Amino acid sequence: MPEPVPTRLREKAQLMSASEIERTLVRLAHEIIEKNNGADRLALIGIRRRGEPLAARLAALASRIENKPVPVGTLDITYYRDDLSTLGVKPVVKPSQINFDINDLNVVLVDDVLYTGRTTRAALDALFDHGRPRRVQLCALIDRGHRELPIEARFVGKYVQTTAQEIVEVKLNEIDGGERVQLMEPAPA
């Protein structure tokens, strides 16, 4: 079987600038605190890769709002994915870092883009291997629709209508050395 030819992408639109991402995270932090009646029994867990820095930023913002620490962790979902065989021969797995007891906490899972719902399903499986939270909520910077599973985010930064061929790219300083959200499309051949 021939290897797939990589598709070249071009930017179709900038969806968010660095300042828009920051303002959105401030709003989301306030919404998370409000919907959870404060920061007591609250924890944020980022889905590795770009959910990790987003969760850390949201936890820092929530901690400042409430003047108390909000625990933050990281979840690696590689082994929980239902598409593991398509990720390559040796997927890179890093350990989850949840250094607190999640039992009876209100846990907010944080991801950069909500698309089919499969990442969230895998994250739920991974999370429940760590304990039994009181409640699990989902926060996504971008919700682009196209669900394959009945999953909905409680906290959304921005809803973006996309086609199946378009890709939403989130770039964060901590990982990419730049800060923006772009809508990408296949470049003509």
N, C-alpha and C. Protein backbone atom coordinates (compact mmCIF):
# COMPACT_ATOMS: atom_id res chain seq x y z
N MET A 1 0.85 -1.17 0.00
CA MET A 1 0.00 0.00 0.00
C MET A 1 0.89 1.24 0.00
N PRO A 2 0.68 2.19 -0.92
CA PRO A 2 1.53 3.38 -0.96
C PRO A 2 1.26 4.28 0.24
N GLU A 3 2.31 5.01 0.67
CA GLU A 3 2.15 5.94 1.78
C GLU A 3 1.32 7.14 1.33
N PRO A 4 0.50 7.68 2.23
CA PRO A 4 -0.31 8.83 1.84
C PRO A 4 0.58 10.04 1.57
N VAL A 5 0.19 10.81 0.58
CA VAL A 5 0.92 12.02 0.24
C VAL A 5 0.46 13.12 1.21
N PRO A 6 1.42 13.77 1.91
CA PRO A 6 1.01 14.81 2.84
C PRO A 6 0.35 15.97 2.10
N THR A 7 -0.71 16.47 2.68
CA THR A 7 -1.44 17.58 2.09
C THR A 7 -0.82 18.89 2.56
N ARG A 8 -0.52 19.76 1.61
CA ARG A 8 -0.02 21.08 1.97
C ARG A 8 -1.21 21.93 2.36
N LEU A 9 -1.01 22.74 3.38
CA LEU A 9 -2.09 23.59 3.87
C LEU A 9 -1.73 25.05 3.69
N ARG A 10 -2.76 25.85 3.56
CA ARG A 10 -2.57 27.30 3.55
C ARG A 10 -3.57 27.92 4.51
N GLU A 11 -3.20 29.09 5.01
CA GLU A 11 -4.08 29.77 5.95
C GLU A 11 -5.27 30.36 5.20
N LYS A 12 -6.45 30.02 5.68
CA LYS A 12 -7.69 30.56 5.11
C LYS A 12 -8.12 31.80 5.89
N ALA A 13 -7.95 31.73 7.23
CA ALA A 13 -8.35 32.86 8.07
C ALA A 13 -7.67 32.76 9.42
N GLN A 14 -7.41 33.91 10.01
CA GLN A 14 -6.97 33.92 11.40
C GLN A 14 -8.23 34.02 12.26
N LEU A 15 -8.39 33.06 13.16
CA LEU A 15 -9.59 33.02 13.99
C LEU A 15 -9.41 33.79 15.30
N MET A 16 -8.18 33.75 15.84
CA MET A 16 -7.91 34.46 17.09
C MET A 16 -6.47 34.93 17.11
N SER A 17 -6.27 36.13 17.60
CA SER A 17 -4.92 36.66 17.82
C SER A 17 -4.49 36.30 19.24
N ALA A 18 -3.26 36.65 19.58
CA ALA A 18 -2.76 36.40 20.94
C ALA A 18 -3.61 37.11 21.98
N SER A 19 -3.96 38.37 21.73
CA SER A 19 -4.77 39.11 22.71
C SER A 19 -6.18 38.54 22.81
N GLU A 20 -6.72 38.05 21.70
CA GLU A 20 -8.06 37.44 21.75
C GLU A 20 -8.02 36.13 22.54
N ILE A 21 -6.94 35.36 22.40
CA ILE A 21 -6.80 34.12 23.19
C ILE A 21 -6.75 34.47 24.66
N GLU A 22 -5.97 35.48 25.03
CA GLU A 22 -5.84 35.87 26.44
C GLU A 22 -7.18 36.33 27.01
N ARG A 23 -7.90 37.18 26.28
CA ARG A 23 -9.21 37.65 26.75
C ARG A 23 -10.18 36.49 26.90
N THR A 24 -10.13 35.55 25.97
CA THR A 24 -11.01 34.38 26.01
C THR A 24 -10.71 33.52 27.22
N LEU A 25 -9.44 33.33 27.53
CA LEU A 25 -9.07 32.52 28.70
C LEU A 25 -9.52 33.20 29.99
N VAL A 26 -9.43 34.52 30.07
CA VAL A 26 -9.92 35.24 31.25
C VAL A 26 -11.42 35.00 31.41
N ARG A 27 -12.17 35.12 30.31
CA ARG A 27 -13.62 34.88 30.36
C ARG A 27 -13.92 33.45 30.79
N LEU A 28 -13.21 32.48 30.19
CA LEU A 28 -13.43 31.08 30.53
C LEU A 28 -13.13 30.80 32.00
N ALA A 29 -12.08 31.39 32.53
CA ALA A 29 -11.74 31.19 33.94
C ALA A 29 -12.88 31.70 34.83
N HIS A 30 -13.43 32.86 34.50
CA HIS A 30 -14.56 33.39 35.27
C HIS A 30 -15.78 32.47 35.16
N GLU A 31 -16.06 31.97 33.96
CA GLU A 31 -17.19 31.05 33.78
C GLU A 31 -17.00 29.76 34.58
N ILE A 32 -15.79 29.23 34.55
CA ILE A 32 -15.51 27.99 35.29
C ILE A 32 -15.73 28.20 36.79
N ILE A 33 -15.23 29.32 37.31
CA ILE A 33 -15.41 29.62 38.74
C ILE A 33 -16.89 29.80 39.05
N GLU A 34 -17.61 30.53 38.20
CA GLU A 34 -19.03 30.78 38.44
C GLU A 34 -19.85 29.50 38.42
N LYS A 35 -19.65 28.65 37.41
CA LYS A 35 -20.45 27.43 37.27
C LYS A 35 -20.10 26.37 38.32
N ASN A 36 -18.95 26.53 38.97
CA ASN A 36 -18.55 25.58 40.01
C ASN A 36 -18.64 26.17 41.41
N ASN A 37 -19.33 27.32 41.53
CA ASN A 37 -19.52 27.99 42.82
C ASN A 37 -18.20 28.21 43.55
N GLY A 38 -17.22 28.71 42.83
CA GLY A 38 -15.91 29.00 43.42
C GLY A 38 -14.90 27.93 43.07
N ALA A 39 -13.77 28.00 43.75
CA ALA A 39 -12.65 27.09 43.44
C ALA A 39 -12.54 25.91 44.40
N ASP A 40 -13.41 25.86 45.42
CA ASP A 40 -13.36 24.70 46.33
C ASP A 40 -13.71 23.44 45.56
N ARG A 41 -12.92 22.42 45.73
CA ARG A 41 -13.14 21.12 45.09
C ARG A 41 -13.03 21.19 43.56
N LEU A 42 -12.29 22.18 43.04
CA LEU A 42 -12.12 22.35 41.60
C LEU A 42 -10.70 21.97 41.20
N ALA A 43 -10.55 21.30 40.07
CA ALA A 43 -9.24 20.99 39.50
C ALA A 43 -9.35 21.07 37.98
N LEU A 44 -8.27 21.49 37.34
CA LEU A 44 -8.21 21.53 35.88
C LEU A 44 -7.17 20.54 35.40
N ILE A 45 -7.53 19.79 34.36
CA ILE A 45 -6.61 18.79 33.81
C ILE A 45 -6.56 18.99 32.30
N GLY A 46 -5.37 19.30 31.81
CA GLY A 46 -5.17 19.54 30.38
C GLY A 46 -4.90 18.25 29.64
N ILE A 47 -5.52 18.11 28.49
CA ILE A 47 -5.27 16.96 27.62
C ILE A 47 -4.02 17.28 26.81
N ARG A 48 -3.01 16.44 26.99
CA ARG A 48 -1.75 16.68 26.30
C ARG A 48 -1.98 16.69 24.80
N ARG A 49 -1.68 17.65 24.20
CA ARG A 49 -0.54 18.48 24.09
C ARG A 49 -0.93 19.92 24.35
N ARG A 50 -1.78 20.51 23.57
CA ARG A 50 -2.06 21.93 23.77
C ARG A 50 -3.09 22.21 24.86
N GLY A 51 -3.78 21.20 25.33
CA GLY A 51 -4.65 21.40 26.49
C GLY A 51 -3.85 21.62 27.77
N GLU A 52 -2.61 21.13 27.77
CA GLU A 52 -1.75 21.24 28.95
C GLU A 52 -1.45 22.71 29.30
N PRO A 53 -0.90 23.52 28.38
CA PRO A 53 -0.65 24.92 28.75
C PRO A 53 -1.94 25.72 28.94
N LEU A 54 -3.00 25.36 28.21
CA LEU A 54 -4.27 26.06 28.41
C LEU A 54 -4.80 25.82 29.82
N ALA A 55 -4.73 24.58 30.31
CA ALA A 55 -5.18 24.28 31.66
C ALA A 55 -4.34 25.01 32.70
N ALA A 56 -3.03 25.08 32.47
CA ALA A 56 -2.15 25.78 33.41
C ALA A 56 -2.51 27.27 33.46
N ARG A 57 -2.76 27.86 32.31
CA ARG A 57 -3.14 29.28 32.29
C ARG A 57 -4.47 29.51 32.97
N LEU A 58 -5.46 28.65 32.67
CA LEU A 58 -6.78 28.79 33.30
C LEU A 58 -6.70 28.61 34.81
N ALA A 59 -5.90 27.64 35.26
CA ALA A 59 -5.75 27.41 36.71
C ALA A 59 -5.11 28.62 37.38
N ALA A 60 -4.11 29.22 36.73
CA ALA A 60 -3.47 30.42 37.30
C ALA A 60 -4.47 31.57 37.38
N LEU A 61 -5.27 31.75 36.33
CA LEU A 61 -6.28 32.80 36.34
C LEU A 61 -7.33 32.55 37.43
N ALA A 62 -7.81 31.31 37.53
CA ALA A 62 -8.81 30.97 38.54
C ALA A 62 -8.24 31.15 39.95
N SER A 63 -6.98 30.81 40.13
CA SER A 63 -6.33 30.98 41.43
C SER A 63 -6.29 32.45 41.83
N ARG A 64 -6.00 33.32 40.86
CA ARG A 64 -5.97 34.77 41.14
C ARG A 64 -7.37 35.29 41.45
N ILE A 65 -8.37 34.82 40.70
CA ILE A 65 -9.74 35.27 40.92
C ILE A 65 -10.21 34.89 42.31
N GLU A 66 -9.93 33.67 42.73
CA GLU A 66 -10.43 33.15 44.00
C GLU A 66 -9.45 33.31 45.15
N ASN A 67 -8.23 33.75 44.84
CA ASN A 67 -7.19 33.91 45.85
C ASN A 67 -6.91 32.62 46.61
N LYS A 68 -6.89 31.52 45.87
CA LYS A 68 -6.56 30.21 46.43
C LYS A 68 -6.05 29.33 45.31
N PRO A 69 -5.16 28.39 45.60
CA PRO A 69 -4.61 27.55 44.54
C PRO A 69 -5.67 26.62 43.94
N VAL A 70 -5.58 26.45 42.63
CA VAL A 70 -6.43 25.51 41.90
C VAL A 70 -5.50 24.45 41.33
N PRO A 71 -5.65 23.20 41.74
CA PRO A 71 -4.77 22.15 41.23
C PRO A 71 -4.89 22.00 39.71
N VAL A 72 -3.77 21.70 39.08
CA VAL A 72 -3.75 21.51 37.64
C VAL A 72 -2.90 20.27 37.32
N GLY A 73 -3.38 19.49 36.36
CA GLY A 73 -2.66 18.28 35.97
C GLY A 73 -2.68 18.12 34.46
N THR A 74 -2.02 17.07 34.01
CA THR A 74 -1.91 16.76 32.59
C THR A 74 -2.27 15.32 32.35
N LEU A 75 -3.01 15.07 31.30
CA LEU A 75 -3.45 13.73 30.96
C LEU A 75 -2.91 13.35 29.59
N ASP A 76 -2.20 12.21 29.51
CA ASP A 76 -1.78 11.68 28.22
C ASP A 76 -2.76 10.58 27.85
N ILE A 77 -3.39 10.72 26.69
CA ILE A 77 -4.46 9.80 26.30
C ILE A 77 -4.04 8.83 25.20
N THR A 78 -2.75 8.79 24.88
CA THR A 78 -2.29 8.02 23.72
C THR A 78 -2.81 6.60 23.72
N TYR A 79 -2.66 5.87 24.83
CA TYR A 79 -3.07 4.47 24.87
C TYR A 79 -4.58 4.27 24.94
N TYR A 80 -5.32 5.35 25.12
CA TYR A 80 -6.77 5.25 25.23
C TYR A 80 -7.48 5.59 23.91
N ARG A 81 -6.71 6.00 22.92
CA ARG A 81 -7.30 6.40 21.65
C ARG A 81 -7.81 5.19 20.89
N ASP A 82 -8.90 5.37 20.15
CA ASP A 82 -9.41 4.27 19.34
C ASP A 82 -8.78 4.27 17.94
N ASP A 83 -7.89 5.25 17.69
CA ASP A 83 -7.20 5.31 16.40
C ASP A 83 -5.69 5.12 16.58
N LEU A 84 -5.28 4.42 17.62
CA LEU A 84 -3.87 4.24 17.94
C LEU A 84 -3.09 3.67 16.77
N SER A 85 -3.68 2.76 16.02
CA SER A 85 -2.96 2.13 14.91
C SER A 85 -2.67 3.12 13.78
N THR A 86 -3.38 4.24 13.72
CA THR A 86 -3.14 5.22 12.66
C THR A 86 -2.14 6.28 13.08
N LEU A 87 -1.67 6.24 14.32
CA LEU A 87 -0.76 7.27 14.81
C LEU A 87 0.70 6.99 14.48
N GLY A 88 0.99 5.84 13.90
CA GLY A 88 2.36 5.51 13.58
C GLY A 88 2.79 4.27 14.34
N VAL A 89 3.99 3.78 14.00
CA VAL A 89 4.47 2.54 14.60
C VAL A 89 4.75 2.70 16.08
N LYS A 90 5.38 3.81 16.48
CA LYS A 90 5.73 4.02 17.88
C LYS A 90 5.23 5.38 18.34
N PRO A 91 3.99 5.46 18.80
CA PRO A 91 3.52 6.76 19.27
C PRO A 91 4.30 7.18 20.51
N VAL A 92 4.52 8.48 20.65
CA VAL A 92 5.24 9.02 21.79
C VAL A 92 4.27 9.14 22.96
N VAL A 93 4.57 8.45 24.04
CA VAL A 93 3.72 8.48 25.22
C VAL A 93 4.50 9.11 26.36
N LYS A 94 3.89 10.10 26.99
CA LYS A 94 4.48 10.72 28.18
C LYS A 94 3.53 10.44 29.32
N PRO A 95 4.06 10.29 30.52
CA PRO A 95 3.16 9.98 31.63
C PRO A 95 2.21 11.13 31.94
N SER A 96 1.01 10.77 32.38
CA SER A 96 0.09 11.77 32.88
C SER A 96 0.67 12.32 34.18
N GLN A 97 0.39 13.58 34.45
CA GLN A 97 0.89 14.20 35.67
C GLN A 97 -0.29 14.77 36.44
N ILE A 98 -0.85 13.94 37.29
CA ILE A 98 -1.94 14.36 38.17
C ILE A 98 -1.46 14.06 39.58
N ASN A 99 -0.93 15.08 40.23
CA ASN A 99 -0.29 14.90 41.54
C ASN A 99 -1.24 15.26 42.68
N PHE A 100 -2.51 14.93 42.51
CA PHE A 100 -3.51 15.17 43.55
C PHE A 100 -4.61 14.15 43.37
N ASP A 101 -5.36 13.94 44.43
CA ASP A 101 -6.47 12.98 44.43
C ASP A 101 -7.66 13.62 43.72
N ILE A 102 -8.15 13.02 42.64
CA ILE A 102 -9.28 13.59 41.90
C ILE A 102 -10.62 13.13 42.45
N ASN A 103 -10.63 12.19 43.38
CA ASN A 103 -11.89 11.70 43.94
C ASN A 103 -12.68 12.85 44.55
N ASP A 104 -13.95 12.93 44.16
CA ASP A 104 -14.91 13.90 44.67
C ASP A 104 -14.59 15.34 44.27
N LEU A 105 -13.73 15.55 43.27
CA LEU A 105 -13.46 16.90 42.78
C LEU A 105 -14.33 17.20 41.56
N ASN A 106 -14.54 18.48 41.32
CA ASN A 106 -15.12 18.95 40.06
C ASN A 106 -13.94 19.14 39.11
N VAL A 107 -13.81 18.25 38.16
CA VAL A 107 -12.68 18.27 37.24
C VAL A 107 -13.12 18.90 35.92
N VAL A 108 -12.33 19.86 35.45
CA VAL A 108 -12.54 20.44 34.13
C VAL A 108 -11.42 19.93 33.23
N LEU A 109 -11.79 19.12 32.24
CA LEU A 109 -10.84 18.67 31.22
C LEU A 109 -10.69 19.81 30.22
N VAL A 110 -9.44 20.12 29.85
CA VAL A 110 -9.18 21.25 28.96
C VAL A 110 -8.50 20.74 27.70
N ASP A 111 -9.04 21.14 26.55
CA ASP A 111 -8.44 20.79 25.26
C ASP A 111 -8.46 22.03 24.37
N ASP A 112 -7.62 22.01 23.33
CA ASP A 112 -7.57 23.18 22.45
C ASP A 112 -8.73 23.19 21.47
N VAL A 113 -9.00 22.06 20.80
CA VAL A 113 -10.05 22.01 19.77
C VAL A 113 -10.95 20.81 20.03
N LEU A 114 -12.23 21.05 20.04
CA LEU A 114 -13.22 19.97 20.11
C LEU A 114 -13.74 19.75 18.70
N TYR A 115 -13.60 18.51 18.23
CA TYR A 115 -13.97 18.18 16.85
C TYR A 115 -14.91 16.99 16.88
N THR A 116 -14.42 15.78 16.72
CA THR A 116 -15.27 14.60 16.65
C THR A 116 -15.76 14.13 18.02
N GLY A 117 -15.01 14.44 19.07
CA GLY A 117 -15.34 13.97 20.41
C GLY A 117 -14.52 12.77 20.82
N ARG A 118 -13.74 12.21 19.91
CA ARG A 118 -12.97 11.00 20.23
C ARG A 118 -11.84 11.27 21.22
N THR A 119 -11.19 12.42 21.13
CA THR A 119 -10.15 12.76 22.11
C THR A 119 -10.77 12.85 23.51
N THR A 120 -11.92 13.47 23.60
CA THR A 120 -12.59 13.60 24.90
C THR A 120 -12.99 12.24 25.46
N ARG A 121 -13.48 11.34 24.60
CA ARG A 121 -13.83 9.99 25.05
C ARG A 121 -12.60 9.29 25.61
N ALA A 122 -11.49 9.39 24.92
CA ALA A 122 -10.25 8.77 25.40
C ALA A 122 -9.80 9.42 26.71
N ALA A 123 -9.96 10.74 26.82
CA ALA A 123 -9.56 11.43 28.04
C ALA A 123 -10.41 10.99 29.23
N LEU A 124 -11.69 10.76 29.01
CA LEU A 124 -12.55 10.27 30.09
C LEU A 124 -12.10 8.89 30.56
N ASP A 125 -11.78 8.02 29.62
CA ASP A 125 -11.27 6.69 30.00
C ASP A 125 -10.00 6.82 30.83
N ALA A 126 -9.07 7.66 30.38
CA ALA A 126 -7.80 7.85 31.10
C ALA A 126 -8.05 8.47 32.46
N LEU A 127 -8.93 9.45 32.53
CA LEU A 127 -9.21 10.14 33.79
C LEU A 127 -9.75 9.19 34.84
N PHE A 128 -10.69 8.33 34.45
CA PHE A 128 -11.30 7.44 35.43
C PHE A 128 -10.35 6.35 35.90
N ASP A 129 -9.23 6.16 35.23
CA ASP A 129 -8.18 5.29 35.76
C ASP A 129 -7.46 5.94 36.94
N HIS A 130 -7.64 7.26 37.11
CA HIS A 130 -7.00 8.00 38.21
C HIS A 130 -7.93 8.17 39.41
N GLY A 131 -9.21 7.88 39.27
CA GLY A 131 -10.13 8.04 40.39
C GLY A 131 -11.54 8.35 39.91
N ARG A 132 -12.36 8.77 40.85
CA ARG A 132 -13.77 9.02 40.59
C ARG A 132 -14.13 10.46 40.95
N PRO A 133 -14.05 11.39 39.97
CA PRO A 133 -14.42 12.77 40.26
C PRO A 133 -15.91 12.90 40.57
N ARG A 134 -16.25 13.96 41.27
CA ARG A 134 -17.67 14.27 41.54
C ARG A 134 -18.37 14.61 40.23
N ARG A 135 -17.69 15.44 39.42
CA ARG A 135 -18.26 15.89 38.16
C ARG A 135 -17.12 16.15 37.19
N VAL A 136 -17.34 15.86 35.92
CA VAL A 136 -16.36 16.14 34.88
C VAL A 136 -17.02 17.07 33.86
N GLN A 137 -16.33 18.17 33.57
CA GLN A 137 -16.80 19.13 32.59
C GLN A 137 -15.70 19.30 31.54
N LEU A 138 -16.08 19.74 30.37
CA LEU A 138 -15.13 19.93 29.29
C LEU A 138 -15.03 21.40 28.94
N CYS A 139 -13.79 21.86 28.75
CA CYS A 139 -13.51 23.22 28.29
C CYS A 139 -12.68 23.11 27.02
N ALA A 140 -13.12 23.78 25.95
CA ALA A 140 -12.38 23.78 24.69
C ALA A 140 -12.21 25.22 24.23
N LEU A 141 -11.00 25.55 23.80
CA LEU A 141 -10.77 26.89 23.27
C LEU A 141 -11.59 27.08 22.00
N ILE A 142 -11.62 26.07 21.13
CA ILE A 142 -12.37 26.13 19.87
C ILE A 142 -13.27 24.91 19.76
N ASP A 143 -14.55 25.14 19.42
CA ASP A 143 -15.48 24.04 19.10
C ASP A 143 -15.81 24.18 17.63
N ARG A 144 -15.38 23.21 16.83
CA ARG A 144 -15.59 23.29 15.38
C ARG A 144 -16.69 22.38 14.86
N GLY A 145 -17.43 21.72 15.77
CA GLY A 145 -18.53 20.88 15.33
C GLY A 145 -18.07 19.55 14.77
N HIS A 146 -18.91 18.90 13.99
CA HIS A 146 -18.63 17.61 13.33
C HIS A 146 -18.51 16.44 14.31
N ARG A 147 -19.31 16.42 15.36
CA ARG A 147 -19.22 15.35 16.35
C ARG A 147 -19.53 13.99 15.77
N GLU A 148 -18.78 13.01 16.21
CA GLU A 148 -19.05 11.61 15.93
C GLU A 148 -19.57 10.91 17.18
N LEU A 149 -19.41 11.56 18.32
CA LEU A 149 -19.85 11.02 19.61
C LEU A 149 -20.69 12.08 20.32
N PRO A 150 -21.59 11.67 21.20
CA PRO A 150 -22.46 12.63 21.89
C PRO A 150 -21.73 13.35 23.03
N ILE A 151 -20.83 14.26 22.65
CA ILE A 151 -20.00 14.99 23.62
C ILE A 151 -20.17 16.47 23.36
N GLU A 152 -20.32 17.23 24.44
CA GLU A 152 -20.49 18.67 24.33
C GLU A 152 -19.65 19.35 25.40
N ALA A 153 -19.01 20.45 25.04
CA ALA A 153 -18.21 21.20 26.00
C ALA A 153 -19.10 22.12 26.81
N ARG A 154 -18.83 22.18 28.10
CA ARG A 154 -19.57 23.10 28.99
C ARG A 154 -19.04 24.52 28.84
N PHE A 155 -17.73 24.63 28.58
CA PHE A 155 -17.08 25.94 28.45
C PHE A 155 -16.39 26.00 27.09
N VAL A 156 -16.76 26.98 26.27
CA VAL A 156 -16.20 27.10 24.92
C VAL A 156 -15.71 28.52 24.71
N GLY A 157 -14.47 28.61 24.20
CA GLY A 157 -13.92 29.92 23.88
C GLY A 157 -14.57 30.52 22.65
N LYS A 158 -14.65 29.72 21.58
CA LYS A 158 -15.20 30.22 20.33
C LYS A 158 -15.76 29.05 19.52
N TYR A 159 -16.93 29.24 18.95
CA TYR A 159 -17.53 28.27 18.04
C TYR A 159 -17.15 28.67 16.62
N VAL A 160 -16.65 27.70 15.85
CA VAL A 160 -16.22 27.98 14.48
C VAL A 160 -16.84 26.93 13.57
N GLN A 161 -17.59 27.39 12.57
CA GLN A 161 -18.14 26.47 11.57
C GLN A 161 -17.05 26.12 10.58
N THR A 162 -16.81 24.85 10.37
CA THR A 162 -15.77 24.40 9.45
C THR A 162 -16.33 23.32 8.53
N THR A 163 -15.59 23.06 7.47
CA THR A 163 -15.87 21.89 6.65
C THR A 163 -14.97 20.77 7.15
N ALA A 164 -15.24 19.56 6.73
CA ALA A 164 -14.43 18.42 7.15
C ALA A 164 -13.00 18.53 6.62
N GLN A 165 -12.78 19.25 5.52
CA GLN A 165 -11.45 19.37 4.94
C GLN A 165 -10.60 20.43 5.62
N GLU A 166 -11.23 21.35 6.31
CA GLU A 166 -10.49 22.42 6.99
C GLU A 166 -9.90 21.92 8.30
N ILE A 167 -8.86 22.59 8.73
CA ILE A 167 -8.17 22.23 9.97
C ILE A 167 -8.04 23.49 10.81
N VAL A 168 -8.30 23.37 12.10
CA VAL A 168 -8.08 24.47 13.02
C VAL A 168 -6.74 24.22 13.70
N GLU A 169 -5.83 25.16 13.56
CA GLU A 169 -4.51 25.06 14.18
C GLU A 169 -4.42 26.07 15.32
N VAL A 170 -4.15 25.55 16.52
CA VAL A 170 -3.92 26.40 17.67
C VAL A 170 -2.42 26.43 17.91
N LYS A 171 -1.87 27.62 17.96
CA LYS A 171 -0.44 27.81 18.23
C LYS A 171 -0.32 28.53 19.58
N LEU A 172 0.48 27.95 20.47
CA LEU A 172 0.66 28.53 21.80
C LEU A 172 2.15 28.76 22.05
N ASN A 173 2.45 29.85 22.76
CA ASN A 173 3.84 30.19 23.04
C ASN A 173 4.61 29.05 23.67
N GLU A 174 4.00 28.34 24.61
CA GLU A 174 4.70 27.29 25.35
C GLU A 174 5.17 26.14 24.46
N ILE A 175 4.49 25.92 23.35
CA ILE A 175 4.81 24.79 22.47
C ILE A 175 5.36 25.27 21.12
N ASP A 176 4.76 26.32 20.59
CA ASP A 176 5.04 26.72 19.21
C ASP A 176 5.84 28.01 19.07
N GLY A 177 6.07 28.71 20.18
CA GLY A 177 6.80 29.96 20.10
C GLY A 177 6.01 31.09 19.47
N GLY A 178 4.73 30.92 19.35
CA GLY A 178 3.84 31.94 18.81
C GLY A 178 2.44 31.69 19.31
N GLU A 179 1.57 32.67 19.14
CA GLU A 179 0.25 32.60 19.74
C GLU A 179 -0.81 33.04 18.75
N ARG A 180 -1.63 32.09 18.26
CA ARG A 180 -2.72 32.43 17.36
C ARG A 180 -3.55 31.16 17.09
N VAL A 181 -4.73 31.38 16.54
CA VAL A 181 -5.57 30.27 16.07
C VAL A 181 -5.87 30.57 14.61
N GLN A 182 -5.62 29.57 13.76
CA GLN A 182 -5.80 29.74 12.33
C GLN A 182 -6.73 28.68 11.77
N LEU A 183 -7.48 29.05 10.75
CA LEU A 183 -8.25 28.09 9.98
C LEU A 183 -7.44 27.80 8.73
N MET A 184 -7.10 26.53 8.54
CA MET A 184 -6.26 26.11 7.41
C MET A 184 -7.11 25.30 6.43
N GLU A 185 -6.71 25.36 5.16
CA GLU A 185 -7.37 24.56 4.12
C GLU A 185 -6.32 23.96 3.22
N PRO A 186 -6.66 22.87 2.53
CA PRO A 186 -5.69 22.30 1.60
C PRO A 186 -5.31 23.30 0.52
N ALA A 187 -4.02 23.37 0.22
CA ALA A 187 -3.55 24.27 -0.83
C ALA A 187 -3.77 23.59 -2.18
N PRO A 188 -4.12 24.37 -3.19
CA PRO A 188 -4.29 23.76 -4.51
C PRO A 188 -2.97 23.20 -5.02
N ALA A 189 -3.06 22.10 -5.74
CA ALA A 189 -1.85 21.44 -6.23
C ALA A 189 -1.16 22.22 -7.32
